Protein backbone atom coordinates (compact mmCIF):
# COMPACT_ATOMS: atom_id res chain seq x y z
CA UNK A 1 0.26 0.19 -0.15
CA UNK A 2 2.98 2.25 0.68
CA UNK A 3 4.55 1.82 -2.40
CA UNK A 4 1.22 2.63 -4.62
CA UNK A 5 1.05 6.11 -2.38
CA UNK A 6 4.59 7.00 -2.97
CA UNK A 7 3.85 6.27 -6.73
CA UNK A 8 1.30 8.35 -6.68
CA UNK A 9 3.07 11.11 -5.22
CA UNK A 10 5.79 11.03 -7.65
CA UNK A 11 3.45 10.69 -10.64
CA UNK A 12 1.67 14.00 -9.36
CA UNK A 13 4.83 15.55 -8.57
CA UNK A 14 5.45 16.95 -12.14
CA UNK A 15 1.91 18.08 -12.55
CA UNK A 16 1.90 20.28 -9.53
CA UNK A 17 5.31 21.66 -10.51
CA UNK A 18 4.02 22.66 -13.71
CA UNK A 19 1.03 24.36 -12.29
CA UNK A 20 3.16 26.22 -9.89
CA UNK A 21 5.59 27.55 -13.00
CA UNK A 22 2.77 28.62 -14.66
CA UNK A 23 1.06 30.60 -11.77
CA UNK A 24 4.25 32.06 -10.75
CA UNK A 25 5.10 33.09 -14.37
CA UNK A 26 1.77 34.71 -14.91
CA UNK A 27 2.07 37.22 -11.93
CA UNK A 28 3.03 40.59 -13.08
CA UNK A 29 4.45 43.69 -11.34
CA UNK A 30 1.91 46.69 -10.68
CA UNK A 31 4.00 48.76 -13.11
CA UNK A 32 3.67 46.39 -15.92
CA UNK A 33 -0.32 45.97 -15.63
CA UNK A 34 -1.65 47.34 -19.04
CA UNK A 35 -3.59 50.78 -18.89
CA UNK A 36 -6.21 51.88 -21.39
CA UNK A 37 -5.23 53.23 -24.59
CA UNK A 38 -7.04 56.52 -24.31
CA UNK A 39 -5.95 59.52 -21.87
CA UNK A 40 -7.08 62.66 -21.25
CA UNK A 41 -5.28 65.51 -19.30
CA UNK A 42 -7.09 68.37 -17.89
CA UNK A 43 -8.16 70.22 -14.79
CA UNK A 44 -9.86 67.95 -12.17
CA UNK A 45 -13.70 69.20 -11.68
CA UNK A 46 -15.02 66.47 -9.32
CA UNK A 47 -14.16 64.04 -7.04
CA UNK A 48 -16.10 61.25 -5.23
CA UNK A 49 -15.67 57.80 -3.98
CA UNK A 50 -17.09 56.34 -7.32
CA UNK A 51 -16.25 58.84 -9.89
CA UNK A 52 -14.18 61.56 -11.17
CA UNK A 53 -14.90 64.59 -13.55
CA UNK A 54 -12.02 66.18 -15.69
CA UNK A 55 -12.35 68.95 -17.85
CA UNK A 56 -9.85 68.93 -20.59
CA UNK A 57 -8.19 72.23 -20.98
CA UNK A 58 -7.38 72.21 -24.77
CA UNK A 59 -11.10 71.30 -25.89
CA UNK A 60 -13.27 72.40 -22.89
CA UNK A 61 -15.13 69.36 -23.08
CA UNK A 62 -15.79 67.55 -19.68
CA UNK A 63 -15.30 63.63 -19.24
CA UNK A 64 -16.52 61.41 -16.29
CA UNK A 65 -14.88 58.37 -15.17
CA UNK A 66 -16.10 55.51 -13.23
CA UNK A 67 -13.62 54.39 -10.26
CA UNK A 68 -13.84 50.60 -9.05
CA UNK A 69 -14.00 50.38 -5.46
CA UNK A 70 -10.81 50.52 -3.74
CA UNK A 71 -9.14 52.26 -6.60
CA UNK A 72 -5.40 52.54 -5.74
CA UNK A 73 -3.74 53.30 -9.31
CA UNK A 74 -2.96 57.19 -8.35
CA UNK A 75 0.59 58.13 -9.17
CA UNK A 76 2.93 61.31 -9.18
CA UNK A 77 3.59 62.88 -12.24
CA UNK A 78 6.86 60.76 -12.99
CA UNK A 79 4.35 57.91 -12.87
CA UNK A 80 6.42 55.87 -10.17
CA UNK A 81 5.41 57.09 -6.87
CA UNK A 82 2.01 56.19 -5.72
CA UNK A 83 0.19 58.79 -3.83
CA UNK A 84 -3.19 58.52 -1.86
CA UNK A 85 -6.42 59.33 -3.32
CA UNK A 86 -7.06 62.06 -0.77
CA UNK A 87 -4.40 64.24 -2.57
CA UNK A 88 -6.88 64.68 -5.33
CA UNK A 89 -9.11 67.73 -5.15
CA UNK A 90 -10.92 70.03 -7.56
CA UNK A 91 -8.49 72.33 -9.81
CA UNK A 92 -5.61 69.78 -9.94
CA UNK A 93 -3.85 68.97 -13.21
CA UNK A 94 -4.21 65.29 -13.85
CA UNK A 95 -3.70 62.81 -16.80
CA UNK A 96 -6.07 59.86 -16.81
CA UNK A 97 -5.71 56.76 -18.46
CA UNK A 98 -8.85 54.98 -19.48
CA UNK A 99 -11.10 52.64 -21.35
CA UNK A 100 -14.52 51.90 -22.15
CA UNK A 101 -14.42 48.04 -22.49
CA UNK A 102 -16.77 47.26 -19.53
CA UNK A 103 -20.19 47.84 -20.88
CA UNK A 104 -19.05 50.94 -22.74
CA UNK A 105 -18.46 53.01 -20.10
CA UNK A 106 -15.56 54.95 -19.45
CA UNK A 107 -13.50 54.05 -16.08
CA UNK A 108 -10.32 55.10 -14.96
CA UNK A 109 -7.30 52.78 -15.17
CA UNK A 110 -4.48 55.11 -13.88
CA UNK A 111 -4.41 58.80 -12.53
CA UNK A 112 -1.26 60.96 -12.94
CA UNK A 113 -1.52 63.87 -10.48
CA UNK A 114 0.76 66.61 -12.61
CA UNK A 115 2.41 69.88 -11.30
CA UNK A 116 1.27 73.17 -12.92
CA UNK A 117 4.89 73.67 -14.04
CA UNK A 118 4.82 70.80 -16.28
CA UNK A 119 4.56 71.42 -19.87
CA UNK A 120 1.07 70.33 -21.62
CA UNK A 121 1.00 67.80 -23.93
CA UNK A 122 1.06 68.52 -27.70
CA UNK A 123 -1.17 65.82 -29.06
CA UNK A 124 -4.17 64.32 -27.41
CA UNK A 125 -5.40 60.69 -27.95
CA UNK A 126 -8.78 59.52 -27.56
């Protein structure tokens, strides 16, 4: 009986090892998570727990974005340093990366908090 149990363990070992490699290989660091292909840069008009509204400074158009619960993708202008959601306030210059894949509703994937001293972007996408 012991021999059969050992044989079963050795037979299952390569499968468990392969599953472990696939799981570890699929984990990505937070900076490598893809963001939406569209973005807008402008002045923050409204902030709440579930949405934000940004007014594009070039076109004057206001865009609203949904935020998922526990949204934590708020970064400083360099895109490397995370900042608290509480640092967002109306009048701040932000750059929002977004997409509309979920039911056609715009939702923010990443928010960059910019300084007013930074030069505006010459060409807008989206």
